Amino acid sequence: HEPGDSVGVAVSDIQAGEKVAGTYLHDHSQSVEVVARQDIPLGHKIALAAVPDKGKVVKYGVVIGAASKAIAVGEHVHVHNLKSLRWGK
Protein backbone atom coordinates (compact mmCIF):
# COMPACT_ATOMS: atom_id res chain seq x y z
CA HIS A 1 0.00 0.00 0.00
CA GLU A 2 0.92 3.65 -0.03
CA PRO A 3 1.77 5.91 2.91
CA GLY A 4 -1.46 7.70 3.82
CA ASP A 5 -3.72 4.80 2.85
CA SER A 6 -6.56 4.27 5.31
CA VAL A 7 -7.13 0.64 4.26
CA GLY A 8 -5.08 -2.38 3.25
CA VAL A 9 -6.15 -5.54 1.44
CA ALA A 10 -6.06 -8.91 3.20
CA VAL A 11 -3.79 -11.30 1.27
CA SER A 12 -5.11 -14.20 3.36
CA ASP A 13 -8.04 -14.78 5.72
CA ILE A 14 -7.53 -12.83 8.97
CA GLN A 15 -8.97 -13.90 12.33
CA ALA A 16 -10.38 -11.39 14.84
CA GLY A 17 -7.63 -10.53 17.33
CA GLU A 18 -4.84 -11.45 14.91
CA LYS A 19 -1.96 -8.97 14.55
CA VAL A 20 -1.28 -8.35 10.87
CA ALA A 21 1.58 -6.50 9.21
CA GLY A 22 2.08 -5.08 5.76
CA THR A 23 4.66 -3.10 3.85
CA TYR A 24 4.38 -0.25 1.40
CA LEU A 25 4.64 -0.96 -2.32
CA HIS A 26 7.41 1.52 -3.07
CA ASP A 27 9.30 1.31 0.23
CA HIS A 28 9.48 -2.13 1.80
CA SER A 29 11.50 -0.69 4.70
CA GLN A 30 8.28 0.90 6.03
CA SER A 31 5.59 -1.28 7.52
CA VAL A 32 2.29 -0.99 9.34
CA GLU A 33 0.84 -3.32 12.00
CA VAL A 34 -2.77 -3.51 13.18
CA VAL A 35 -4.88 -5.94 15.19
CA ALA A 36 -8.01 -7.16 13.40
CA ARG A 37 -11.24 -6.34 15.24
CA GLN A 38 -13.31 -8.80 13.18
CA ASP A 39 -12.66 -11.74 10.89
CA ILE A 40 -11.61 -10.38 7.49
CA PRO A 41 -11.83 -12.61 4.40
CA LEU A 42 -9.12 -12.81 1.76
CA GLY A 43 -9.35 -9.84 -0.59
CA HIS A 44 -11.39 -7.66 1.76
CA LYS A 45 -10.12 -4.45 3.33
CA ILE A 46 -8.82 -3.77 6.86
CA ALA A 47 -8.63 -0.25 8.31
CA LEU A 48 -5.03 0.90 8.75
CA ALA A 49 -6.17 4.25 10.14
CA ALA A 50 -9.31 5.51 11.83
CA VAL A 51 -11.79 7.07 9.41
CA PRO A 52 -14.54 9.38 10.68
CA ASP A 53 -18.15 9.13 9.53
CA LYS A 54 -18.27 10.44 5.93
CA GLY A 55 -14.45 10.56 5.87
CA LYS A 56 -12.49 9.60 2.77
CA VAL A 57 -11.30 5.98 2.45
CA VAL A 58 -7.98 5.74 0.60
CA LYS A 59 -6.53 2.59 -1.03
CA TYR A 60 -3.32 2.56 -3.10
CA GLY A 61 -3.23 6.37 -2.85
CA VAL A 62 -6.70 6.79 -4.39
CA VAL A 63 -9.94 7.81 -2.68
CA ILE A 64 -12.25 4.83 -3.22
CA GLY A 65 -15.22 5.99 -1.17
CA ALA A 66 -16.51 7.48 2.03
CA ALA A 67 -17.18 5.89 5.39
CA SER A 68 -20.91 5.43 5.99
CA LYS A 69 -20.10 5.38 9.72
CA ALA A 70 -16.93 5.83 11.77
CA ILE A 71 -14.35 3.09 11.18
CA ALA A 72 -11.77 2.13 13.81
CA VAL A 73 -8.26 0.84 13.13
CA GLY A 74 -8.40 -2.92 12.51
CA GLU A 75 -12.05 -3.03 11.44
CA HIS A 76 -13.30 -4.91 8.39
CA VAL A 77 -14.05 -2.31 5.70
CA HIS A 78 -16.72 -3.39 3.22
CA VAL A 79 -20.24 -2.50 2.05
CA HIS A 80 -21.54 -2.27 5.64
CA ASN A 81 -19.37 0.79 6.42
CA LEU A 82 -18.11 2.06 3.03
CA LYS A 83 -20.00 3.90 0.29
CA SER A 84 -18.05 3.30 -2.91
CA LEU A 85 -17.34 6.18 -5.27
CA ARG A 86 -17.25 3.70 -8.13
CA TRP A 87 -20.90 2.71 -7.82
CA GLY A 88 -22.19 5.74 -5.91
CA LYS A 89 -22.25 8.17 -8.83
C-alpha atoms as a PDB file:
ATOM      1  CA  HIS A   1       0.000   0.000   0.000  1.00  0.00           C
ATOM      2  CA  GLU A   2       0.921   3.654  -0.029  1.00  0.00           C
ATOM      3  CA  PRO A   3       1.766   5.913   2.913  1.00  0.00           C
ATOM      4  CA  GLY A   4      -1.462   7.704   3.819  1.00  0.00           C
ATOM      5  CA  ASP A   5      -3.723   4.798   2.854  1.00  0.00           C
ATOM      6  CA  SER A   6      -6.559   4.270   5.312  1.00  0.00           C
ATOM      7  CA  VAL A   7      -7.129   0.640   4.256  1.00  0.00           C
ATOM      8  CA  GLY A   8      -5.080  -2.379   3.254  1.00  0.00           C
ATOM      9  CA  VAL A   9      -6.152  -5.536   1.443  1.00  0.00           C
ATOM     10  CA  ALA A  10      -6.059  -8.914   3.198  1.00  0.00           C
ATOM     11  CA  VAL A  11      -3.785 -11.298   1.268  1.00  0.00           C
ATOM     12  CA  SER A  12      -5.107 -14.201   3.363  1.00  0.00           C
ATOM     13  CA  ASP A  13      -8.036 -14.780   5.717  1.00  0.00           C
ATOM     14  CA  ILE A  14      -7.534 -12.826   8.970  1.00  0.00           C
ATOM     15  CA  GLN A  15      -8.973 -13.897  12.327  1.00  0.00           C
ATOM     16  CA  ALA A  16     -10.375 -11.394  14.838  1.00  0.00           C
ATOM     17  CA  GLY A  17      -7.631 -10.525  17.330  1.00  0.00           C
ATOM     18  CA  GLU A  18      -4.840 -11.450  14.915  1.00  0.00           C
ATOM     19  CA  LYS A  19      -1.958  -8.974  14.554  1.00  0.00           C
ATOM     20  CA  VAL A  20      -1.276  -8.347  10.874  1.00  0.00           C
ATOM     21  CA  ALA A  21       1.584  -6.495   9.215  1.00  0.00           C
ATOM     22  CA  GLY A  22       2.075  -5.082   5.764  1.00  0.00           C
ATOM     23  CA  THR A  23       4.662  -3.103   3.850  1.00  0.00           C
ATOM     24  CA  TYR A  24       4.378  -0.249   1.400  1.00  0.00           C
ATOM     25  CA  LEU A  25       4.637  -0.959  -2.325  1.00  0.00           C
ATOM     26  CA  HIS A  26       7.414   1.517  -3.066  1.00  0.00           C
ATOM     27  CA  ASP A  27       9.304   1.314   0.229  1.00  0.00           C
ATOM     28  CA  HIS A  28       9.481  -2.128   1.805  1.00  0.00           C
ATOM     29  CA  SER A  29      11.496  -0.694   4.703  1.00  0.00           C
ATOM     30  CA  GLN A  30       8.284   0.903   6.028  1.00  0.00           C
ATOM     31  CA  SER A  31       5.586  -1.277   7.521  1.00  0.00           C
ATOM     32  CA  VAL A  32       2.291  -0.992   9.339  1.00  0.00           C
ATOM     33  CA  GLU A  33       0.835  -3.318  11.999  1.00  0.00           C
ATOM     34  CA  VAL A  34      -2.770  -3.511  13.179  1.00  0.00           C
ATOM     35  CA  VAL A  35      -4.882  -5.942  15.191  1.00  0.00           C
ATOM     36  CA  ALA A  36      -8.009  -7.161  13.395  1.00  0.00           C
ATOM     37  CA  ARG A  37     -11.237  -6.339  15.244  1.00  0.00           C
ATOM     38  CA  GLN A  38     -13.305  -8.802  13.181  1.00  0.00           C
ATOM     39  CA  ASP A  39     -12.658 -11.742  10.888  1.00  0.00           C
ATOM     40  CA  ILE A  40     -11.611 -10.383   7.493  1.00  0.00           C
ATOM     41  CA  PRO A  41     -11.832 -12.607   4.401  1.00  0.00           C
ATOM     42  CA  LEU A  42      -9.119 -12.808   1.764  1.00  0.00           C
ATOM     43  CA  GLY A  43      -9.354  -9.838  -0.590  1.00  0.00           C
ATOM     44  CA  HIS A  44     -11.386  -7.662   1.762  1.00  0.00           C
ATOM     45  CA  LYS A  45     -10.119  -4.447   3.328  1.00  0.00           C
ATOM     46  CA  ILE A  46      -8.818  -3.771   6.857  1.00  0.00           C
ATOM     47  CA  ALA A  47      -8.633  -0.255   8.312  1.00  0.00           C
ATOM     48  CA  LEU A  48      -5.028   0.895   8.751  1.00  0.00           C
ATOM     49  CA  ALA A  49      -6.166   4.254  10.139  1.00  0.00           C
ATOM     50  CA  ALA A  50      -9.310   5.514  11.833  1.00  0.00           C
ATOM     51  CA  VAL A  51     -11.795   7.068   9.406  1.00  0.00           C
ATOM     52  CA  PRO A  52     -14.543   9.384  10.680  1.00  0.00           C
ATOM     53  CA  ASP A  53     -18.153   9.129   9.526  1.00  0.00           C
ATOM     54  CA  LYS A  54     -18.272  10.442   5.935  1.00  0.00           C
ATOM     55  CA  GLY A  55     -14.453  10.561   5.869  1.00  0.00           C
ATOM     56  CA  LYS A  56     -12.489   9.595   2.765  1.00  0.00           C
ATOM     57  CA  VAL A  57     -11.305   5.985   2.455  1.00  0.00           C
ATOM     58  CA  VAL A  58      -7.979   5.736   0.601  1.00  0.00           C
ATOM     59  CA  LYS A  59      -6.530   2.593  -1.029  1.00  0.00           C
ATOM     60  CA  TYR A  60      -3.319   2.563  -3.102  1.00  0.00           C
ATOM     61  CA  GLY A  61      -3.226   6.372  -2.847  1.00  0.00           C
ATOM     62  CA  VAL A  62      -6.698   6.787  -4.395  1.00  0.00           C
ATOM     63  CA  VAL A  63      -9.939   7.812  -2.675  1.00  0.00           C
ATOM     64  CA  ILE A  64     -12.252   4.826  -3.219  1.00  0.00           C
ATOM     65  CA  GLY A  65     -15.216   5.990  -1.174  1.00  0.00           C
ATOM     66  CA  ALA A  66     -16.510   7.485   2.034  1.00  0.00           C
ATOM     67  CA  ALA A  67     -17.183   5.888   5.387  1.00  0.00           C
ATOM     68  CA  SER A  68     -20.914   5.428   5.987  1.00  0.00           C
ATOM     69  CA  LYS A  69     -20.105   5.379   9.721  1.00  0.00           C
ATOM     70  CA  ALA A  70     -16.933   5.835  11.775  1.00  0.00           C
ATOM     71  CA  ILE A  71     -14.348   3.089  11.175  1.00  0.00           C
ATOM     72  CA  ALA A  72     -11.768   2.127  13.811  1.00  0.00           C
ATOM     73  CA  VAL A  73      -8.256   0.842  13.125  1.00  0.00           C
ATOM     74  CA  GLY A  74      -8.398  -2.920  12.507  1.00  0.00           C
ATOM     75  CA  GLU A  75     -12.045  -3.033  11.440  1.00  0.00           C
ATOM     76  CA  HIS A  76     -13.298  -4.911   8.394  1.00  0.00           C
ATOM     77  CA  VAL A  77     -14.052  -2.312   5.702  1.00  0.00           C
ATOM     78  CA  HIS A  78     -16.717  -3.394   3.217  1.00  0.00           C
ATOM     79  CA  VAL A  79     -20.240  -2.504   2.054  1.00  0.00           C
ATOM     80  CA  HIS A  80     -21.539  -2.269   5.640  1.00  0.00           C
ATOM     81  CA  ASN A  81     -19.369   0.786   6.418  1.00  0.00           C
ATOM     82  CA  LEU A  82     -18.113   2.062   3.031  1.00  0.00           C
ATOM     83  CA  LYS A  83     -19.999   3.899   0.288  1.00  0.00           C
ATOM     84  CA  SER A  84     -18.050   3.302  -2.905  1.00  0.00           C
ATOM     85  CA  LEU A  85     -17.340   6.180  -5.275  1.00  0.00           C
ATOM     86  CA  ARG A  86     -17.248   3.699  -8.128  1.00  0.00           C
ATOM     87  CA  TRP A  87     -20.905   2.707  -7.823  1.00  0.00           C
ATOM     88  CA  GLY A  88     -22.186   5.737  -5.911  1.00  0.00           C
ATOM     89  CA  LYS A  89     -22.252   8.174  -8.834  1.00  0.00           C
END
